[in-house]
Protein backbone atom coordinates (compact mmCIF):
# COMPACT_ATOMS: atom_id res chain seq x y z
CA UNK A 1 88.38 412.78 81.35
CA UNK A 2 88.46 416.64 81.02
CA UNK A 3 86.44 417.44 83.64
CA UNK A 4 87.23 417.42 87.60
CA UNK A 5 86.24 414.32 89.63
CA UNK A 6 82.85 414.40 91.46
CA UNK A 7 83.82 414.91 95.49
CA UNK A 8 82.86 411.80 96.73
CA UNK A 9 84.60 409.89 94.08
CA UNK A 10 87.64 411.95 95.28
CA UNK A 11 86.88 410.79 98.90
CA UNK A 12 86.84 407.30 98.10
CA UNK A 13 90.42 407.51 96.79
CA UNK A 14 91.95 409.98 99.00
CA UNK A 15 90.55 407.70 102.19
CA UNK A 16 92.20 404.64 100.37
CA UNK A 17 95.47 406.67 99.57
CA UNK A 18 95.67 407.46 103.39
CA UNK A 19 94.69 404.28 104.53
CA UNK A 20 97.93 402.67 102.63
CA UNK A 21 100.13 405.56 103.74
CA UNK A 22 99.38 404.51 107.52
CA UNK A 23 99.72 401.14 106.85
CA UNK A 24 102.37 400.36 104.65
CA UNK A 25 104.43 403.85 104.87
CA UNK A 26 104.05 405.58 108.17
CA UNK A 27 105.76 402.68 110.07
CA UNK A 28 108.64 402.23 107.60
CA UNK A 29 109.38 405.45 106.01
CA UNK A 30 112.49 406.52 108.46
CA UNK A 31 113.94 402.86 107.44
CA UNK A 32 113.90 404.06 103.90
CA UNK A 33 114.86 407.20 104.46
CA UNK A 34 118.35 405.59 106.35
CA UNK A 35 118.45 402.66 103.08
CA UNK A 36 118.17 405.20 100.96
CA UNK A 37 115.21 403.03 98.92
CA UNK A 38 111.62 402.49 98.63
CA UNK A 39 111.46 398.80 98.68
CA UNK A 40 110.23 397.18 95.40
CA UNK A 41 106.87 395.49 97.91
CA UNK A 42 105.69 398.97 98.09
CA UNK A 43 105.03 399.68 94.10
CA UNK A 44 102.97 396.48 94.25
CA UNK A 45 100.94 397.43 97.16
CA UNK A 46 100.22 400.88 96.01
CA UNK A 47 99.55 399.24 92.25
CA UNK A 48 97.08 396.77 94.22
CA UNK A 49 95.08 399.15 95.75
CA UNK A 50 94.69 400.86 92.56
CA UNK A 51 96.50 404.30 92.98
CA UNK A 52 99.14 403.87 90.54
CA UNK A 53 98.56 404.99 87.56
CA UNK A 54 95.05 405.89 88.40
CA UNK A 55 94.52 408.36 85.09
CA UNK A 56 95.75 405.31 82.64
CA UNK A 57 92.78 404.05 80.49
CA UNK A 58 90.68 401.13 81.86
CA UNK A 59 92.09 398.63 79.46
CA UNK A 60 95.02 398.12 80.99
CA UNK A 61 93.79 397.36 83.94
CA UNK A 62 93.70 401.13 85.47
CA UNK A 63 90.98 402.88 87.98
CA UNK A 64 90.77 405.04 84.58
CA UNK A 65 89.89 408.17 87.27
CA UNK A 66 90.61 411.80 86.28
CA UNK A 67 93.68 413.95 85.95
CA UNK A 68 92.75 415.57 89.13
CA UNK A 69 93.03 412.27 91.59
CA UNK A 70 96.29 411.34 89.96
CA UNK A 71 97.39 415.10 91.03
CA UNK A 72 95.93 414.75 94.59
CA UNK A 73 97.74 411.25 95.60
CA UNK A 74 101.21 412.99 94.92
CA UNK A 75 100.12 416.70 96.74
CA UNK A 76 98.74 414.43 100.15
CA UNK A 77 102.07 412.23 100.03
CA UNK A 78 103.57 415.39 99.63
CA UNK A 79 101.80 416.68 102.84
CA UNK A 80 102.88 413.66 104.88
CA UNK A 81 106.29 414.64 104.48
CA UNK A 82 107.46 411.44 102.19
CA UNK A 83 109.16 413.75 99.70
CA UNK A 84 111.23 410.80 98.17
CA UNK A 85 107.99 408.54 97.88
CA UNK A 86 106.63 412.11 96.35
CA UNK A 87 109.31 412.33 93.54
CA UNK A 88 109.55 408.43 92.61
CA UNK A 89 105.38 408.15 92.13
CA UNK A 90 105.25 411.19 89.94
CA UNK A 91 108.39 410.44 88.05
CA UNK A 92 106.68 406.85 87.30
CA UNK A 93 102.89 407.67 87.53
CA UNK A 94 102.83 411.32 86.48
CA UNK A 95 105.60 411.16 83.78
CA UNK A 96 106.72 407.61 82.42
CA UNK A 97 103.25 405.73 82.24
CA UNK A 98 101.56 409.81 80.19
CA UNK A 99 104.71 409.59 77.72
CA UNK A 100 103.48 405.59 77.00
CA UNK A 101 100.40 406.54 76.66
CA UNK A 102 100.82 409.54 74.63
CA UNK A 103 103.71 408.35 72.54
CA UNK A 104 103.53 404.89 71.93
CA UNK A 105 101.89 402.81 69.73
CA UNK A 106 99.31 399.66 70.58
CA UNK A 107 102.31 397.50 71.36
CA UNK A 108 103.96 399.52 73.40
CA UNK A 109 101.42 400.22 75.57
CA UNK A 110 99.92 397.01 76.17
CA UNK A 111 103.70 396.41 76.52
CA UNK A 112 104.80 398.49 80.06
CA UNK A 113 101.38 399.90 80.97
CA UNK A 114 99.66 397.34 82.85
CA UNK A 115 103.41 396.28 84.88
CA UNK A 116 103.48 400.03 85.48
CA UNK A 117 99.57 400.18 87.27
CA UNK A 118 100.40 396.83 88.75
CA UNK A 119 103.74 398.47 90.26
CA UNK A 120 105.35 395.60 89.17
CA UNK A 121 107.36 397.74 86.56
CA UNK A 122 109.05 400.44 87.59
CA UNK A 123 109.50 403.58 85.53
CA UNK A 124 112.35 405.88 84.96
CA UNK A 125 112.85 408.75 82.57
CA UNK A 126 116.86 409.02 81.45
CA UNK A 127 117.33 412.97 80.03
CA UNK A 128 119.72 414.50 82.36
CA UNK A 129 123.82 413.76 81.66
CA UNK A 130 126.68 414.77 83.23
CA UNK A 131 127.98 418.05 81.82
CA UNK A 132 124.58 418.90 79.94
CA UNK A 133 122.26 419.74 83.24
CA UNK A 134 118.96 421.12 81.24
CA UNK A 135 120.48 421.53 77.84
CA UNK A 136 118.54 419.01 76.05
CA UNK A 137 119.67 419.87 73.05
CA UNK A 138 123.53 418.95 73.72
CA UNK A 139 122.68 415.40 74.60
CA UNK A 140 125.71 413.04 74.28
CA UNK A 141 124.21 409.76 73.92
CA UNK A 142 124.06 408.05 70.70
CA UNK A 143 121.30 405.71 69.58
CA UNK A 144 122.53 404.32 66.07
CA UNK A 145 120.14 402.78 63.58
CA UNK A 146 121.59 398.89 63.01
CA UNK A 147 119.38 397.01 60.45
CA UNK A 148 116.17 396.31 62.97
CA UNK A 149 118.22 397.52 65.93
CA UNK A 150 119.34 401.09 67.48
CA UNK A 151 122.69 400.51 69.57
CA UNK A 152 123.01 403.27 72.69
CA UNK A 153 126.39 403.81 73.88
CA UNK A 154 126.01 406.94 76.77
CA UNK A 155 125.09 407.60 80.05
CA UNK A 156 122.77 409.18 82.28
CA UNK A 157 122.40 410.54 85.60
CA UNK A 158 120.28 411.74 88.54
CA UNK A 159 118.39 409.39 87.54
CA UNK A 160 114.88 408.87 89.79
CA UNK A 161 113.83 405.38 90.51
CA UNK A 162 117.00 404.42 88.40
CA UNK A 163 118.08 401.54 90.50
CA UNK A 164 114.30 399.88 90.83
CA UNK A 165 113.53 400.49 87.38
CA UNK A 166 112.70 398.01 85.02
CA UNK A 167 112.04 400.75 82.42
CA UNK A 168 113.66 403.57 81.32
CA UNK A 169 112.50 406.10 78.87
CA UNK A 170 115.69 406.98 77.22
CA UNK A 171 116.66 410.55 75.09
CA UNK A 172 119.57 409.96 72.36
CA UNK A 173 120.81 411.61 69.64
CA UNK A 174 120.07 409.89 66.50
CA UNK A 175 121.05 412.46 64.39
CA UNK A 176 124.55 413.93 65.81
CA UNK A 177 124.31 417.01 64.36
CA UNK A 178 121.09 418.15 63.93
CA UNK A 179 121.46 419.40 67.53
CA UNK A 180 117.65 418.99 68.65
CA UNK A 181 116.59 418.40 65.88
CA UNK A 182 118.36 415.16 66.33
CA UNK A 183 117.60 413.37 69.78
CA UNK A 184 114.77 410.62 69.68
CA UNK A 185 113.10 408.63 72.35
CA UNK A 186 113.41 404.91 73.69
CA UNK A 187 111.49 402.39 75.73
CA UNK A 188 114.65 400.73 77.13
CA UNK A 189 114.04 396.86 79.09
CA UNK A 190 116.63 397.62 82.53
CA UNK A 191 117.77 393.83 82.18
CA UNK A 192 119.24 394.15 78.42
CA UNK A 193 122.29 393.38 78.22
CA UNK A 194 124.88 396.55 78.26
CA UNK A 195 122.52 398.47 80.37
CA UNK A 196 124.26 399.16 83.90
CA UNK A 197 123.50 400.75 87.19
CA UNK A 198 125.79 402.71 88.68
CA UNK A 199 126.12 403.82 92.36
CA UNK A 200 123.01 404.65 94.46
CA UNK A 201 123.74 408.76 94.73
CA UNK A 202 123.82 410.32 97.84
CA UNK A 203 121.56 413.64 98.55
CA UNK A 204 121.32 415.41 101.41
CA UNK A 205 117.30 415.52 101.17
CA UNK A 206 114.79 412.73 99.22
CA UNK A 207 116.89 409.97 100.63
CA UNK A 208 114.12 407.57 100.09
CA UNK A 209 113.91 408.46 96.37
CA UNK A 210 116.59 406.30 94.72
CA UNK A 211 118.88 408.60 92.84
CA UNK A 212 121.31 406.66 90.02
CA UNK A 213 123.64 406.92 87.21
CA UNK A 214 122.73 404.69 84.22
CA UNK A 215 125.14 403.49 81.65
CA UNK A 216 124.46 402.23 78.01
CA UNK A 217 127.41 400.19 76.50
CA UNK A 218 126.97 398.70 73.08
CA UNK A 219 123.36 398.31 74.47
CA UNK A 220 121.04 396.86 71.44
CA UNK A 221 117.04 397.10 71.57
CA UNK A 222 114.69 396.70 68.88
CA UNK A 223 113.63 399.34 66.39
CA UNK A 224 110.21 398.98 68.00
CA UNK A 225 111.55 400.33 70.87
CA UNK A 226 111.68 403.76 69.35
CA UNK A 227 109.06 405.77 70.88
CA UNK A 228 107.51 407.57 68.83
CA UNK A 229 109.15 409.20 65.40
CA UNK A 230 112.52 409.57 64.88
CA UNK A 231 114.10 413.28 65.30
CA UNK A 232 111.13 414.67 67.40
CA UNK A 233 112.58 413.69 71.07
CA UNK A 234 112.75 417.29 71.57
CA UNK A 235 109.36 418.66 70.41
CA UNK A 236 107.93 415.12 72.58
CA UNK A 237 109.98 416.35 75.62
CA UNK A 238 108.59 419.90 75.78
CA UNK A 239 105.44 418.47 75.34
CA UNK A 240 105.17 416.53 77.54
CA UNK A 241 107.06 418.85 80.45
CA UNK A 242 103.53 420.66 81.34
CA UNK A 243 102.58 417.84 83.17
CA UNK A 244 105.93 417.55 84.39
CA UNK A 245 106.20 421.40 86.06
CA UNK A 246 102.60 420.60 87.25
CA UNK A 247 103.76 417.60 89.08
CA UNK A 248 106.31 419.43 90.74
CA UNK A 249 104.19 422.67 91.92
CA UNK A 250 101.39 419.79 93.33
CA UNK A 251 104.33 418.14 95.20
CA UNK A 252 105.00 421.89 96.52
CA UNK A 253 101.63 422.52 97.94
CA UNK A 254 101.43 419.58 99.38
CA UNK A 255 105.25 419.70 101.11
CA UNK A 256 103.96 423.80 102.17
CA UNK A 257 101.10 422.67 103.92
CA UNK A 258 102.48 419.69 105.24
CA UNK A 259 104.84 422.04 107.19
CA UNK A 260 102.43 424.14 108.46
CA UNK A 261 100.64 421.24 110.15
CA UNK A 262 103.40 420.22 111.78
CA UNK A 263 104.76 423.80 112.40
CA UNK A 264 100.93 424.36 114.03
CA UNK A 265 101.04 421.52 116.47
CA UNK A 266 104.75 422.54 117.75
CA UNK A 267 104.11 426.54 118.69
CA UNK A 268 101.00 425.39 119.84
CA UNK A 269 102.56 423.07 122.95
CA UNK A 270 106.29 425.00 122.86
CA UNK A 271 105.99 426.92 125.94
CA UNK A 272 108.61 430.24 126.35
CA UNK A 273 108.34 432.83 128.70
CA UNK A 274 105.24 431.56 130.50
CA UNK A 275 102.81 431.55 126.76
CA UNK A 276 103.04 429.76 124.15
CA UNK A 277 105.08 429.97 121.10
CA UNK A 278 101.38 430.40 119.11
CA UNK A 279 100.94 433.57 121.59
CA UNK A 280 103.87 435.80 119.72
CA UNK A 281 102.62 438.24 117.33
CA UNK A 282 106.05 437.57 115.79
CA UNK A 283 105.05 433.93 115.42
CA UNK A 284 101.33 434.76 114.27
CA UNK A 285 102.07 436.74 111.71
CA UNK A 286 104.69 434.56 109.85
CA UNK A 287 102.19 431.92 109.92
CA UNK A 288 99.52 434.23 108.56
CA UNK A 289 102.17 434.94 105.75
CA UNK A 290 102.46 431.59 105.02
CA UNK A 291 99.27 430.43 105.10
CA UNK A 292 98.82 433.03 102.68
CA UNK A 293 101.57 432.24 100.33
CA UNK A 294 100.70 428.46 100.30
CA UNK A 295 96.75 429.39 99.38
CA UNK A 296 97.83 431.89 96.85
CA UNK A 297 100.04 429.21 95.03
CA UNK A 298 97.17 426.23 95.49
CA UNK A 299 94.67 428.94 93.38
CA UNK A 300 97.30 429.04 90.87
CA UNK A 301 98.20 425.10 90.71
CA UNK A 302 94.17 424.32 90.78
CA UNK A 303 94.29 427.12 87.82
CA UNK A 304 96.67 424.92 85.53
CA UNK A 305 95.04 421.71 86.74
CA UNK A 306 92.09 423.11 85.02
CA UNK A 307 93.67 424.63 81.76
CA UNK A 308 95.57 421.12 81.53
CA UNK A 309 92.43 419.36 81.99
CA UNK A 310 90.96 421.79 79.22
CA UNK A 311 93.89 420.79 76.97
CA UNK A 312 95.00 424.66 76.89
CA UNK A 313 98.27 424.71 79.30
CA UNK A 314 101.16 426.14 78.12
CA UNK A 315 104.67 425.79 78.66
CA UNK A 316 104.87 429.59 79.98
CA UNK A 317 101.27 428.13 81.97
CA UNK A 318 103.89 425.42 83.52
CA UNK A 319 107.19 427.26 84.33
CA UNK A 320 104.99 430.09 86.10
CA UNK A 321 103.14 427.39 88.37
CA UNK A 322 107.00 425.75 88.87
CA UNK A 323 108.85 428.84 89.41
CA UNK A 324 106.40 430.36 92.04
CA UNK A 325 105.16 427.32 93.91
CA UNK A 326 108.69 425.96 94.42
CA UNK A 327 110.34 428.76 95.71
CA UNK A 328 107.08 429.82 97.70
CA UNK A 329 107.40 425.79 99.33
CA UNK A 330 111.49 426.78 100.34
CA UNK A 331 110.62 430.58 101.46
CA UNK A 332 107.28 428.21 103.77
CA UNK A 333 109.61 425.31 104.94
CA UNK A 334 112.31 427.67 105.88
CA UNK A 335 110.37 429.75 108.20
CA UNK A 336 108.47 426.95 109.48
CA UNK A 337 111.46 425.56 110.80
CA UNK A 338 112.42 428.92 112.20
CA UNK A 339 109.40 428.59 114.51
CA UNK A 340 111.00 425.60 115.81
CA UNK A 341 113.83 426.99 116.80
CA UNK A 342 117.42 425.10 117.67
CA UNK A 343 115.17 421.81 117.65
CA UNK A 344 114.28 422.65 114.11
CA UNK A 345 117.77 421.54 113.37
CA UNK A 346 117.56 417.98 114.68
CA UNK A 347 117.32 415.33 112.64
CA UNK A 348 114.51 414.35 115.48
CA UNK A 349 111.75 416.31 114.35
CA UNK A 350 110.33 416.06 110.44
CA UNK A 351 110.24 419.51 109.89
CA UNK A 352 114.36 419.05 109.05
CA UNK A 353 113.04 416.69 106.02
CA UNK A 354 110.54 419.18 104.71
CA UNK A 355 113.75 421.30 104.94
CA UNK A 356 116.08 419.32 102.47
CA UNK A 357 113.60 417.84 100.77
CA UNK A 358 112.82 420.74 99.69
CA UNK A 359 115.87 422.68 98.48
CA UNK A 360 115.50 420.02 94.88
CA UNK A 361 112.74 421.30 94.00
CA UNK A 362 114.01 424.58 92.05
CA UNK A 363 116.36 422.79 90.52
CA UNK A 364 114.62 419.32 88.90
CA UNK A 365 112.04 419.54 86.05
CA UNK A 366 113.83 422.57 84.92
CA UNK A 367 115.42 425.14 87.66
CA UNK A 368 114.09 428.74 88.94
CA UNK A 369 116.41 430.07 86.39
CA UNK A 370 115.10 428.41 83.38
CA UNK A 371 111.37 428.70 84.07
CA UNK A 372 112.30 432.70 83.83
CA UNK A 373 113.82 432.39 80.70
CA UNK A 374 110.77 430.06 79.52
CA UNK A 375 108.44 433.04 80.54
CA UNK A 376 111.03 436.09 79.54
CA UNK A 377 110.48 434.75 76.09
CA UNK A 378 107.05 434.10 76.40
CA UNK A 379 107.06 438.06 76.84
CA UNK A 380 109.67 438.95 74.91
CA UNK A 381 109.02 436.65 71.63
CA UNK A 382 112.57 436.04 71.83
């Protein structure tokens, strides 16, 4: 779908999602934050309701909705303060599934997409490695061809959905001396011998987003698990990063709006010096600036969604929208927490979760510094 979804159709998806969030997430989210894991059952619930991978083709069991519906779902989950769930959802539905759709062959799509849409198969993507960070050309994980198989050795870190994952898209070097041109992508079944998951990584925020290390020890996969063409992995990653970075921006706008929503309630209820905090000019000016910052970013996010639908979104667009929206998110949530005073620093008040969940947004999917480099190169031609 290359045009915007009709408002009435968008409302149907939104209402369905919000009912699920109220019934299946809100009562349990605090527990998931403590255990550091969204239960597999929730993925199946989301799949049964038709809100997983909504913009995949109908032939695989999807609702075949628009790309803008997929982004709305991520924004609404974020707005409700479920940052860990939003990140897991974004990886599964907005990154892994599109990789398979765009790069996979008919057999690969048929093998993996139906399970992902039903929530029976949970996806992750293995790019980042220890000591490698954003430098994808310096990957150490290797994939060596051996007859009708590839043998993978190496490790990945900071992998969202790593613990729950059934499927991992793994970036590995098939030609060690070729730099970026030696990277290939593979669809790896997490149940295969030689695939292991390290202990869950403890983070300062997004606790319910399970994050793990992945290890590959002489892992043998069929040659048919190659995603796309050998040696084209870096090119594919660059192509698909537009959607990933736009997804980060959508999360940023949603979470910033959610932080503003609960702050508005608080400042009108909280009294100080004989009046509500909302009566002080400082509070009013802070809120006015926050609202303005959110709306300006939202406008550019919407513009980028239109460009993505039209097939004209560039790497520069993606860098600008991620940089501006995630930096805005961190600033907005900081200002909102300040208005809560001491209560904002307690785990009892949800603004504190918005605060810690926001910090990773300027790091994953490409740091703010990398985004600036991408933008500068587009301006200066080098």
